[in-house]
Amino acid sequence: MTAYLIADITVHDPDKYQEYVRLVPAFIEKHGGHYKVRGGEVDCREGSWTPQRLIVLEFPSRKDAVAFLEDPDYQPVAAIRHESATTNLIVLDGAPRDRGQEDESNG
């Protein structure tokens, strides 16, 4: 089942954070992930949540998302993010596909 990583990031050292932005895509791709949302304007319609930078990554499975986060080679890159930003991060499973939503290529 598809899984999503959602990160609410507040950058406090933009120059250092740019180093993270440059390095992280290779690790995301290594684990089968890709960006669904990368920054952009946030329009809060309910509540008071106002993220500065919102990231949504899609992975083939929760196992792949967790493998990305726990990859030993990624840890020095994650440390750059920890030093340059404050992050709230969750991993969640996608909705199960209905029969009516099945890929047409499967018949």
PDB file of N, CA and C in Angstrom:
ATOM      1  N   MET A   1       0.845  -1.177   0.000  1.00  0.00           N
ATOM      2  CA  MET A   1       0.000   0.000   0.000  1.00  0.00           C
ATOM      3  C   MET A   1       0.891   1.241   0.000  1.00  0.00           C
ATOM      4  N   THR A   2       0.551   2.185  -0.818  1.00  0.00           N
ATOM      5  CA  THR A   2       1.278   3.446  -0.886  1.00  0.00           C
ATOM      6  C   THR A   2       1.317   4.112   0.483  1.00  0.00           C
ATOM      7  N   ALA A   3       2.437   4.774   0.766  1.00  0.00           N
ATOM      8  CA  ALA A   3       2.575   5.521   2.021  1.00  0.00           C
ATOM      9  C   ALA A   3       3.066   6.926   1.712  1.00  0.00           C
ATOM     10  N   TYR A   4       2.761   7.832   2.607  1.00  0.00           N
ATOM     11  CA  TYR A   4       3.134   9.230   2.439  1.00  0.00           C
ATOM     12  C   TYR A   4       3.927   9.712   3.639  1.00  0.00           C
ATOM     13  N   LEU A   5       4.916  10.505   3.373  1.00  0.00           N
ATOM     14  CA  LEU A   5       5.676  11.206   4.402  1.00  0.00           C
ATOM     15  C   LEU A   5       5.278  12.666   4.277  1.00  0.00           C
ATOM     16  N   ILE A   6       4.809  13.250   5.357  1.00  0.00           N
ATOM     17  CA  ILE A   6       4.425  14.662   5.367  1.00  0.00           C
ATOM     18  C   ILE A   6       5.310  15.374   6.370  1.00  0.00           C
ATOM     19  N   ALA A   7       5.966  16.425   5.912  1.00  0.00           N
ATOM     20  CA  ALA A   7       6.871  17.188   6.769  1.00  0.00           C
ATOM     21  C   ALA A   7       6.474  18.655   6.751  1.00  0.00           C
ATOM     22  N   ASP A   8       6.338  19.205   7.931  1.00  0.00           N
ATOM     23  CA  ASP A   8       6.080  20.630   8.151  1.00  0.00           C
ATOM     24  C   ASP A   8       7.419  21.202   8.621  1.00  0.00           C
ATOM     25  N   ILE A   9       8.054  22.004   7.777  1.00  0.00           N
ATOM     26  CA  ILE A   9       9.429  22.443   8.019  1.00  0.00           C
ATOM     27  C   ILE A   9       9.487  23.956   8.183  1.00  0.00           C
ATOM     28  N   THR A  10      10.116  24.400   9.270  1.00  0.00           N
ATOM     29  CA  THR A  10      10.391  25.814   9.490  1.00  0.00           C
ATOM     30  C   THR A  10      11.899  26.003   9.390  1.00  0.00           C
ATOM     31  N   VAL A  11      12.323  26.659   8.340  1.00  0.00           N
ATOM     32  CA  VAL A  11      13.749  26.848   8.062  1.00  0.00           C
ATOM     33  C   VAL A  11      14.261  28.042   8.852  1.00  0.00           C
ATOM     34  N   HIS A  12      15.379  27.860   9.574  1.00  0.00           N
ATOM     35  CA  HIS A  12      15.983  28.989  10.291  1.00  0.00           C
ATOM     36  C   HIS A  12      17.412  29.272   9.842  1.00  0.00           C
ATOM     37  N   ASP A  13      17.965  28.448   8.947  1.00  0.00           N
ATOM     38  CA  ASP A  13      19.265  28.721   8.322  1.00  0.00           C
ATOM     39  C   ASP A  13      19.136  28.369   6.842  1.00  0.00           C
ATOM     40  N   PRO A  14      18.618  29.313   6.027  1.00  0.00           N
ATOM     41  CA  PRO A  14      18.329  29.021   4.623  1.00  0.00           C
ATOM     42  C   PRO A  14      19.534  28.529   3.818  1.00  0.00           C
ATOM     43  N   ASP A  15      20.702  29.088   4.061  1.00  0.00           N
ATOM     44  CA  ASP A  15      21.877  28.657   3.298  1.00  0.00           C
ATOM     45  C   ASP A  15      22.204  27.191   3.574  1.00  0.00           C
ATOM     46  N   LYS A  16      22.209  26.820   4.828  1.00  0.00           N
ATOM     47  CA  LYS A  16      22.500  25.429   5.196  1.00  0.00           C
ATOM     48  C   LYS A  16      21.382  24.509   4.700  1.00  0.00           C
ATOM     49  N   TYR A  17      20.137  24.958   4.787  1.00  0.00           N
ATOM     50  CA  TYR A  17      19.014  24.138   4.335  1.00  0.00           C
ATOM     51  C   TYR A  17      19.113  23.857   2.839  1.00  0.00           C
ATOM     52  N   GLN A  18      19.639  24.793   2.066  1.00  0.00           N
ATOM     53  CA  GLN A  18      19.799  24.568   0.626  1.00  0.00           C
ATOM     54  C   GLN A  18      20.734  23.397   0.339  1.00  0.00           C
ATOM     55  N   GLU A  19      21.701  23.181   1.212  1.00  0.00           N
ATOM     56  CA  GLU A  19      22.574  22.013   1.065  1.00  0.00           C
ATOM     57  C   GLU A  19      21.747  20.728   1.220  1.00  0.00           C
ATOM     58  N   TYR A  20      20.852  20.701   2.176  1.00  0.00           N
ATOM     59  CA  TYR A  20      19.954  19.558   2.362  1.00  0.00           C
ATOM     60  C   TYR A  20      19.085  19.357   1.119  1.00  0.00           C
ATOM     61  N   VAL A  21      18.506  20.433   0.617  1.00  0.00           N
ATOM     62  CA  VAL A  21      17.643  20.366  -0.568  1.00  0.00           C
ATOM     63  C   VAL A  21      18.400  19.777  -1.755  1.00  0.00           C
ATOM     64  N   ARG A  22      19.674  20.088  -1.853  1.00  0.00           N
ATOM     65  CA  ARG A  22      20.501  19.586  -2.954  1.00  0.00           C
ATOM     66  C   ARG A  22      20.790  18.089  -2.805  1.00  0.00           C
ATOM     67  N   LEU A  23      20.961  17.619  -1.574  1.00  0.00           N
ATOM     68  CA  LEU A  23      21.390  16.241  -1.332  1.00  0.00           C
ATOM     69  C   LEU A  23      20.253  15.225  -1.183  1.00  0.00           C
ATOM     70  N   VAL A  24      19.114  15.629  -0.679  1.00  0.00           N
ATOM     71  CA  VAL A  24      18.064  14.675  -0.307  1.00  0.00           C
ATOM     72  C   VAL A  24      17.398  13.950  -1.482  1.00  0.00           C
ATOM     73  N   PRO A  25      17.240  14.537  -2.674  1.00  0.00           N
ATOM     74  CA  PRO A  25      16.518  13.820  -3.732  1.00  0.00           C
ATOM     75  C   PRO A  25      17.090  12.440  -4.068  1.00  0.00           C
ATOM     76  N   ALA A  26      18.393  12.278  -4.034  1.00  0.00           N
ATOM     77  CA  ALA A  26      18.989  10.971  -4.349  1.00  0.00           C
ATOM     78  C   ALA A  26      18.525   9.900  -3.367  1.00  0.00           C
ATOM     79  N   PHE A  27      18.350  10.262  -2.107  1.00  0.00           N
ATOM     80  CA  PHE A  27      17.914   9.294  -1.099  1.00  0.00           C
ATOM     81  C   PHE A  27      16.425   8.986  -1.236  1.00  0.00           C
ATOM     82  N   ILE A  28      15.648   9.989  -1.578  1.00  0.00           N
ATOM     83  CA  ILE A  28      14.218   9.771  -1.814  1.00  0.00           C
ATOM     84  C   ILE A  28      14.045   8.790  -2.969  1.00  0.00           C
ATOM     85  N   GLU A  29      14.746   9.043  -4.072  1.00  0.00           N
ATOM     86  CA  GLU A  29      14.654   8.182  -5.252  1.00  0.00           C
ATOM     87  C   GLU A  29      15.170   6.777  -4.962  1.00  0.00           C
ATOM     88  N   LYS A  30      16.235   6.671  -4.179  1.00  0.00           N
ATOM     89  CA  LYS A  30      16.810   5.365  -3.821  1.00  0.00           C
ATOM     90  C   LYS A  30      15.765   4.444  -3.196  1.00  0.00           C
ATOM     91  N   HIS A  31      14.814   5.026  -2.483  1.00  0.00           N
ATOM     92  CA  HIS A  31      13.796   4.238  -1.787  1.00  0.00           C
ATOM     93  C   HIS A  31      12.443   4.272  -2.499  1.00  0.00           C
ATOM     94  N   GLY A  32      12.453   4.652  -3.775  1.00  0.00           N
ATOM     95  CA  GLY A  32      11.244   4.608  -4.589  1.00  0.00           C
ATOM     96  C   GLY A  32      10.288   5.756  -4.369  1.00  0.00           C
ATOM     97  N   GLY A  33      10.739   6.792  -3.680  1.00  0.00           N
ATOM     98  CA  GLY A  33       9.865   7.917  -3.378  1.00  0.00           C
ATOM     99  C   GLY A  33       9.939   9.022  -4.415  1.00  0.00           C
ATOM    100  N   HIS A  34       8.946   9.884  -4.378  1.00  0.00           N
ATOM    101  CA  HIS A  34       8.958  11.090  -5.208  1.00  0.00           C
ATOM    102  C   HIS A  34       8.097  12.168  -4.538  1.00  0.00           C
ATOM    103  N   TYR A  35       8.387  13.401  -4.922  1.00  0.00           N
ATOM    104  CA  TYR A  35       7.657  14.542  -4.365  1.00  0.00           C
ATOM    105  C   TYR A  35       6.244  14.594  -4.931  1.00  0.00           C
ATOM    106  N   LYS A  36       5.266  14.804  -4.054  1.00  0.00           N
ATOM    107  CA  LYS A  36       3.897  15.129  -4.451  1.00  0.00           C
ATOM    108  C   LYS A  36       3.650  16.616  -4.221  1.00  0.00           C
ATOM    109  N   VAL A  37       4.249  17.151  -3.150  1.00  0.00           N
ATOM    110  CA  VAL A  37       4.173  18.578  -2.820  1.00  0.00           C
ATOM    111  C   VAL A  37       5.549  18.990  -2.339  1.00  0.00           C
ATOM    112  N   ARG A  38       6.027  20.116  -2.841  1.00  0.00           N
ATOM    113  CA  ARG A  38       7.338  20.617  -2.425  1.00  0.00           C
ATOM    114  C   ARG A  38       7.236  22.126  -2.256  1.00  0.00           C
ATOM    115  N   GLY A  39       6.883  22.544  -1.040  1.00  0.00           N
ATOM    116  CA  GLY A  39       6.727  23.974  -0.781  1.00  0.00           C
ATOM    117  C   GLY A  39       5.430  24.473  -1.390  1.00  0.00           C
ATOM    118  N   GLY A  40       5.454  25.676  -1.881  1.00  0.00           N
ATOM    119  CA  GLY A  40       4.257  26.258  -2.461  1.00  0.00           C
ATOM    120  C   GLY A  40       3.467  27.045  -1.434  1.00  0.00           C
ATOM    121  N   GLU A  41       2.507  27.782  -1.918  1.00  0.00           N
ATOM    122  CA  GLU A  41       1.685  28.630  -1.051  1.00  0.00           C
ATOM    123  C   GLU A  41       0.716  27.784  -0.239  1.00  0.00           C
ATOM    124  N   VAL A  42       0.629  28.059   1.042  1.00  0.00           N
ATOM    125  CA  VAL A  42      -0.289  27.364   1.942  1.00  0.00           C
ATOM    126  C   VAL A  42      -1.492  28.267   2.190  1.00  0.00           C
ATOM    127  N   ASP A  43      -2.684  27.717   2.043  1.00  0.00           N
ATOM    128  CA  ASP A  43      -3.931  28.442   2.271  1.00  0.00           C
ATOM    129  C   ASP A  43      -4.705  27.703   3.364  1.00  0.00           C
ATOM    130  N   CYS A  44      -4.512  28.105   4.610  1.00  0.00           N
ATOM    131  CA  CYS A  44      -5.168  27.454   5.749  1.00  0.00           C
ATOM    132  C   CYS A  44      -6.637  27.866   5.772  1.00  0.00           C
ATOM    133  N   ARG A  45      -7.528  26.897   5.627  1.00  0.00           N
ATOM    134  CA  ARG A  45      -8.962  27.173   5.584  1.00  0.00           C
ATOM    135  C   ARG A  45      -9.665  26.904   6.898  1.00  0.00           C
ATOM    136  N   GLU A  46      -9.067  26.079   7.751  1.00  0.00           N
ATOM    137  CA  GLU A  46      -9.647  25.798   9.066  1.00  0.00           C
ATOM    138  C   GLU A  46      -8.522  25.644  10.069  1.00  0.00           C
ATOM    139  N   GLY A  47      -8.762  26.065  11.284  1.00  0.00           N
ATOM    140  CA  GLY A  47      -7.758  25.945  12.330  1.00  0.00           C
ATOM    141  C   GLY A  47      -6.685  27.012  12.206  1.00  0.00           C
ATOM    142  N   SER A  48      -5.572  26.753  12.869  1.00  0.00           N
ATOM    143  CA  SER A  48      -4.502  27.759  12.909  1.00  0.00           C
ATOM    144  C   SER A  48      -3.167  27.225  12.401  1.00  0.00           C
ATOM    145  N   TRP A  49      -3.184  26.092  11.701  1.00  0.00           N
ATOM    146  CA  TRP A  49      -1.959  25.498  11.191  1.00  0.00           C
ATOM    147  C   TRP A  49      -1.447  26.324  10.021  1.00  0.00           C
ATOM    148  N   THR A  50      -0.256  26.877  10.152  1.00  0.00           N
ATOM    149  CA  THR A  50       0.323  27.701   9.089  1.00  0.00           C
ATOM    150  C   THR A  50       1.768  27.286   8.830  1.00  0.00           C
ATOM    151  N   PRO A  51       1.973  26.149   8.185  1.00  0.00           N
ATOM    152  CA  PRO A  51       3.338  25.703   7.926  1.00  0.00           C
ATOM    153  C   PRO A  51       4.072  26.662   7.004  1.00  0.00           C
ATOM    154  N   GLN A  52       5.359  26.855   7.285  1.00  0.00           N
ATOM    155  CA  GLN A  52       6.198  27.695   6.432  1.00  0.00           C
ATOM    156  C   GLN A  52       6.518  26.963   5.131  1.00  0.00           C
ATOM    157  N   ARG A  53       6.861  25.685   5.261  1.00  0.00           N
ATOM    158  CA  ARG A  53       7.226  24.870   4.105  1.00  0.00           C
ATOM    159  C   ARG A  53       6.641  23.482   4.335  1.00  0.00           C
ATOM    160  N   LEU A  54       5.806  23.027   3.427  1.00  0.00           N
ATOM    161  CA  LEU A  54       5.156  21.733   3.562  1.00  0.00           C
ATOM    162  C   LEU A  54       5.646  20.813   2.449  1.00  0.00           C
ATOM    163  N   ILE A  55       6.064  19.610   2.839  1.00  0.00           N
ATOM    164  CA  ILE A  55       6.574  18.624   1.896  1.00  0.00           C
ATOM    165  C   ILE A  55       5.720  17.370   2.010  1.00  0.00           C
ATOM    166  N   VAL A  56       5.316  16.806   0.875  1.00  0.00           N
ATOM    167  CA  VAL A  56       4.628  15.520   0.849  1.00  0.00           C
ATOM    168  C   VAL A  56       5.391  14.627  -0.123  1.00  0.00           C
ATOM    169  N   LEU A  57       5.860  13.489   0.391  1.00  0.00           N
ATOM    170  CA  LEU A  57       6.543  12.493  -0.425  1.00  0.00           C
ATOM    171  C   LEU A  57       5.668  11.256  -0.512  1.00  0.00           C
ATOM    172  N   GLU A  58       5.648  10.623  -1.680  1.00  0.00           N
ATOM    173  CA  GLU A  58       4.924   9.367  -1.856  1.00  0.00           C
ATOM    174  C   GLU A  58       5.939   8.243  -2.020  1.00  0.00           C
ATOM    175  N   PHE A  59       5.722   7.133  -1.304  1.00  0.00           N
ATOM    176  CA  PHE A  59       6.573   5.950  -1.393  1.00  0.00           C
ATOM    177  C   PHE A  59       5.706   4.746  -1.746  1.00  0.00           C
ATOM    178  N   PRO A  60       6.291   3.720  -2.350  1.00  0.00           N
ATOM    179  CA  PRO A  60       5.507   2.531  -2.693  1.00  0.00           C
ATOM    180  C   PRO A  60       4.866   1.862  -1.475  1.00  0.00           C
ATOM    181  N   SER A  61       5.503   1.983  -0.309  1.00  0.00           N
ATOM    182  CA  SER A  61       4.973   1.352   0.901  1.00  0.00           C
ATOM    183  C   SER A  61       5.508   2.075   2.134  1.00  0.00           C
ATOM    184  N   ARG A  62       4.899   1.789   3.276  1.00  0.00           N
ATOM    185  CA  ARG A  62       5.393   2.322   4.553  1.00  0.00           C
ATOM    186  C   ARG A  62       6.823   1.842   4.784  1.00  0.00           C
ATOM    187  N   LYS A  63       7.095   0.590   4.434  1.00  0.00           N
ATOM    188  CA  LYS A  63       8.438   0.025   4.600  1.00  0.00           C
ATOM    189  C   LYS A  63       9.470   0.872   3.851  1.00  0.00           C
ATOM    190  N   ASP A  64       9.141   1.306   2.639  1.00  0.00           N
ATOM    191  CA  ASP A  64      10.061   2.137   1.856  1.00  0.00           C
ATOM    192  C   ASP A  64      10.246   3.512   2.490  1.00  0.00           C
ATOM    193  N   ALA A  65       9.172   4.097   3.002  1.00  0.00           N
ATOM    194  CA  ALA A  65       9.268   5.411   3.649  1.00  0.00           C
ATOM    195  C   ALA A  65      10.148   5.341   4.888  1.00  0.00           C
ATOM    196  N   VAL A  66       9.950   4.296   5.692  1.00  0.00           N
ATOM    197  CA  VAL A  66      10.753   4.131   6.905  1.00  0.00           C
ATOM    198  C   VAL A  66      12.203   3.824   6.540  1.00  0.00           C
ATOM    199  N   ALA A  67      12.411   3.021   5.495  1.00  0.00           N
ATOM    200  CA  ALA A  67      13.779   2.720   5.051  1.00  0.00           C
ATOM    201  C   ALA A  67      14.502   3.996   4.627  1.00  0.00           C
ATOM    202  N   PHE A  68      13.789   4.908   3.974  1.00  0.00           N
ATOM    203  CA  PHE A  68      14.376   6.204   3.617  1.00  0.00           C
ATOM    204  C   PHE A  68      14.823   6.940   4.874  1.00  0.00           C
ATOM    205  N   LEU A  69      13.929   7.059   5.845  1.00  0.00           N
ATOM    206  CA  LEU A  69      14.243   7.808   7.065  1.00  0.00           C
ATOM    207  C   LEU A  69      15.363   7.166   7.876  1.00  0.00           C
ATOM    208  N   GLU A  70      15.457   5.845   7.840  1.00  0.00           N
ATOM    209  CA  GLU A  70      16.437   5.131   8.654  1.00  0.00           C
ATOM    210  C   GLU A  70      17.702   4.736   7.896  1.00  0.00           C
ATOM    211  N   ASP A  71      17.793   5.083   6.618  1.00  0.00           N
ATOM    212  CA  ASP A  71      18.971   4.749   5.806  1.00  0.00           C
ATOM    213  C   ASP A  71      20.221   5.324   6.474  1.00  0.00           C
ATOM    214  N   PRO A  72      21.199   4.485   6.823  1.00  0.00           N
ATOM    215  CA  PRO A  72      22.409   4.989   7.481  1.00  0.00           C
ATOM    216  C   PRO A  72      23.146   6.050   6.659  1.00  0.00           C
ATOM    217  N   ASP A  73      23.112   5.921   5.339  1.00  0.00           N
ATOM    218  CA  ASP A  73      23.788   6.904   4.486  1.00  0.00           C
ATOM    219  C   ASP A  73      23.062   8.246   4.467  1.00  0.00           C
ATOM    220  N   TYR A  74      21.761   8.232   4.783  1.00  0.00           N
ATOM    221  CA  TYR A  74      20.966   9.460   4.822  1.00  0.00           C
ATOM    222  C   TYR A  74      21.160  10.243   6.117  1.00  0.00           C
ATOM    223  N   GLN A  75      21.603   9.599   7.179  1.00  0.00           N
ATOM    224  CA  GLN A  75      21.674  10.249   8.489  1.00  0.00           C
ATOM    225  C   GLN A  75      22.511  11.532   8.504  1.00  0.00           C
ATOM    226  N   PRO A  76      23.674  11.590   7.838  1.00  0.00           N
ATOM    227  CA  PRO A  76      24.406  12.866   7.800  1.00  0.00           C
ATOM    228  C   PRO A  76      23.634  13.968   7.065  1.00  0.00           C
ATOM    229  N   VAL A  77      22.836  13.575   6.075  1.00  0.00           N
ATOM    230  CA  VAL A  77      22.018  14.548   5.341  1.00  0.00           C
ATOM    231  C   VAL A  77      20.871  15.020   6.235  1.00  0.00           C
ATOM    232  N   ALA A  78      20.236  14.092   6.940  1.00  0.00           N
ATOM    233  CA  ALA A  78      19.171  14.462   7.880  1.00  0.00           C
ATOM    234  C   ALA A  78      19.706  15.410   8.944  1.00  0.00           C
ATOM    235  N   ALA A  79      20.953  15.200   9.360  1.00  0.00           N
ATOM    236  CA  ALA A  79      21.564  16.080  10.372  1.00  0.00           C
ATOM    237  C   ALA A  79      21.639  17.519   9.871  1.00  0.00           C
ATOM    238  N   ILE A  80      21.856  17.701   8.576  1.00  0.00           N
ATOM    239  CA  ILE A  80      21.881  19.052   7.997  1.00  0.00           C
ATOM    240  C   ILE A  80      20.507  19.700   8.162  1.00  0.00           C
ATOM    241  N   ARG A  81      19.445  18.918   7.907  1.00  0.00           N
ATOM    242  CA  ARG A  81      18.085  19.445   8.093  1.00  0.00           C
ATOM    243  C   ARG A  81      17.837  19.772   9.557  1.00  0.00           C
ATOM    244  N   HIS A  82      18.266  18.888  10.445  1.00  0.00           N
ATOM    245  CA  HIS A  82      18.066  19.131  11.881  1.00  0.00           C
ATOM    246  C   HIS A  82      18.777  20.397  12.351  1.00  0.00           C
ATOM    247  N   GLU A  83      19.934  20.678  11.764  1.00  0.00           N
ATOM    248  CA  GLU A  83      20.705  21.870  12.140  1.00  0.00           C
ATOM    249  C   GLU A  83      20.144  23.149  11.531  1.00  0.00           C
ATOM    250  N   SER A  84      19.436  23.033  10.419  1.00  0.00           N
ATOM    251  CA  SER A  84      19.005  24.224   9.693  1.00  0.00           C
ATOM    252  C   SER A  84      17.505  24.492   9.759  1.00  0.00           C
ATOM    253  N   ALA A  85      16.749  23.562  10.345  1.00  0.00           N
ATOM    254  CA  ALA A  85      15.293  23.711  10.349  1.00  0.00           C
ATOM    255  C   ALA A  85      14.685  22.929  11.508  1.00  0.00           C
ATOM    256  N   THR A  86      13.465  23.309  11.847  1.00  0.00           N
ATOM    257  CA  THR A  86      12.654  22.554  12.795  1.00  0.00           C
ATOM    258  C   THR A  86      11.623  21.794  11.979  1.00  0.00           C
ATOM    259  N   THR A  87      11.490  20.500  12.251  1.00  0.00           N
ATOM    260  CA  THR A  87      10.626  19.656  11.427  1.00  0.00           C
ATOM    261  C   THR A  87       9.629  18.889  12.278  1.00  0.00           C
ATOM    262  N   ASN A  88       8.380  18.887  11.841  1.00  0.00           N
ATOM    263  CA  ASN A  88       7.360  17.958  12.324  1.00  0.00           C
ATOM    264  C   ASN A  88       7.101  17.017  11.160  1.00  0.00           C
ATOM    265  N   LEU A  89       7.215  15.703  11.398  1.00  0.00           N
ATOM    266  CA  LEU A  89       7.185  14.746  10.302  1.00  0.00           C
ATOM    267  C   LEU A  89       6.345  13.537  10.686  1.00  0.00           C
ATOM    268  N   ILE A  90       5.488  13.111   9.773  1.00  0.00           N
ATOM    269  CA  ILE A  90       4.691  11.903   9.981  1.00  0.00           C
ATOM    270  C   ILE A  90       4.780  11.016   8.744  1.00  0.00           C
ATOM    271  N   VAL A  91       4.558   9.725   8.950  1.00  0.00           N
ATOM    272  CA  VAL A  91       4.416   8.755   7.863  1.00  0.00           C
ATOM    273  C   VAL A  91       3.030   8.147   8.017  1.00  0.00           C
ATOM    274  N   LEU A  92       2.267   8.080   6.925  1.00  0.00           N
ATOM    275  CA  LEU A  92       0.945   7.486   6.992  1.00  0.00           C
ATOM    276  C   LEU A  92       0.655   6.696   5.737  1.00  0.00           C
ATOM    277  N   ASP A  93      -0.205   5.702   5.885  1.00  0.00           N
ATOM    278  CA  ASP A  93      -0.588   4.862   4.755  1.00  0.00           C
ATOM    279  C   ASP A  93      -1.607   5.585   3.894  1.00  0.00           C
ATOM    280  N   GLY A  94      -1.532   5.329   2.588  1.00  0.00           N
ATOM    281  CA  GLY A  94      -2.526   5.853   1.668  1.00  0.00           C
ATOM    282  C   GLY A  94      -3.825   5.067   1.792  1.00  0.00           C
ATOM    283  N   ALA A  95      -4.873   5.575   1.176  1.00  0.00           N
ATOM    284  CA  ALA A  95      -6.166   4.890   1.197  1.00  0.00           C
ATOM    285  C   ALA A  95      -6.090   3.642   0.326  1.00  0.00           C
ATOM    286  N   PRO A  96      -6.743   2.558   0.753  1.00  0.00           N
ATOM    287  CA  PRO A  96      -6.773   1.368  -0.100  1.00  0.00           C
ATOM    288  C   PRO A  96      -7.543   1.671  -1.375  1.00  0.00           C
ATOM    289  N   ARG A  97      -7.129   1.055  -2.440  1.00  0.00           N
ATOM    290  CA  ARG A  97      -7.792   1.289  -3.732  1.00  0.00           C
ATOM    291  C   ARG A  97      -9.096   0.511  -3.790  1.00  0.00           C
ATOM    292  N   ASP A  98     -10.138   1.162  -4.295  1.00  0.00           N
ATOM    293  CA  ASP A  98     -11.412   0.486  -4.541  1.00  0.00           C
ATOM    294  C   ASP A  98     -11.310  -0.266  -5.861  1.00  0.00           C
ATOM    295  N   ARG A  99     -12.180  -1.228  -6.044  1.00  0.00           N
ATOM    296  CA  ARG A  99     -12.188  -1.946  -7.323  1.00  0.00           C
ATOM    297  C   ARG A  99     -12.428  -0.985  -8.482  1.00  0.00           C
ATOM    298  N   GLY A 100     -13.260   0.005  -8.277  1.00  0.00           N
ATOM    299  CA  GLY A 100     -13.547   0.972  -9.332  1.00  0.00           C
ATOM    300  C   GLY A 100     -12.379   1.886  -9.637  1.00  0.00           C
ATOM    301  N   GLN A 101     -11.374   1.917  -8.759  1.00  0.00           N
ATOM    302  CA  GLN A 101     -10.208   2.767  -8.964  1.00  0.00           C
ATOM    303  C   GLN A 101      -9.026   1.990  -9.515  1.00  0.00           C
ATOM    304  N   GLU A 102      -9.209   0.706  -9.793  1.00  0.00           N
ATOM    305  CA  GLU A 102      -8.099  -0.104 -10.274  1.00  0.00           C
ATOM    306  C   GLU A 102      -7.562   0.456 -11.574  1.00  0.00           C
ATOM    307  N   ASP A 103      -6.306   0.301 -11.742  1.00  0.00           N
ATOM    308  CA  ASP A 103      -5.613   0.754 -12.934  1.00  0.00           C
ATOM    309  C   ASP A 103      -6.221   0.067 -14.156  1.00  0.00           C
ATOM    310  N   GLU A 104      -6.617   0.832 -15.151  1.00  0.00           N
ATOM    311  CA  GLU A 104      -7.242   0.267 -16.341  1.00  0.00           C
ATOM    312  C   GLU A 104      -6.319  -0.697 -17.074  1.00  0.00           C
ATOM    313  N   SER A 105      -5.004  -0.531 -16.905  1.00  0.00           N
ATOM    314  CA  SER A 105      -4.063  -1.416 -17.584  1.00  0.00           C
ATOM    315  C   SER A 105      -4.136  -2.838 -17.031  1.00  0.00           C
ATOM    316  N   ASN A 106      -4.747  -3.020 -15.851  1.00  0.00           N
ATOM    317  CA  ASN A 106      -4.881  -4.351 -15.260  1.00  0.00           C
ATOM    318  C   ASN A 106      -6.146  -5.068 -15.732  1.00  0.00           C
ATOM    319  N   GLY A 107      -6.924  -4.439 -16.582  1.00  0.00           N
ATOM    320  CA  GLY A 107      -8.086  -5.104 -17.146  1.00  0.00           C
ATOM    321  C   GLY A 107      -9.309  -4.811 -16.388  1.00  0.00           C
TER     322      GLY A 107
END
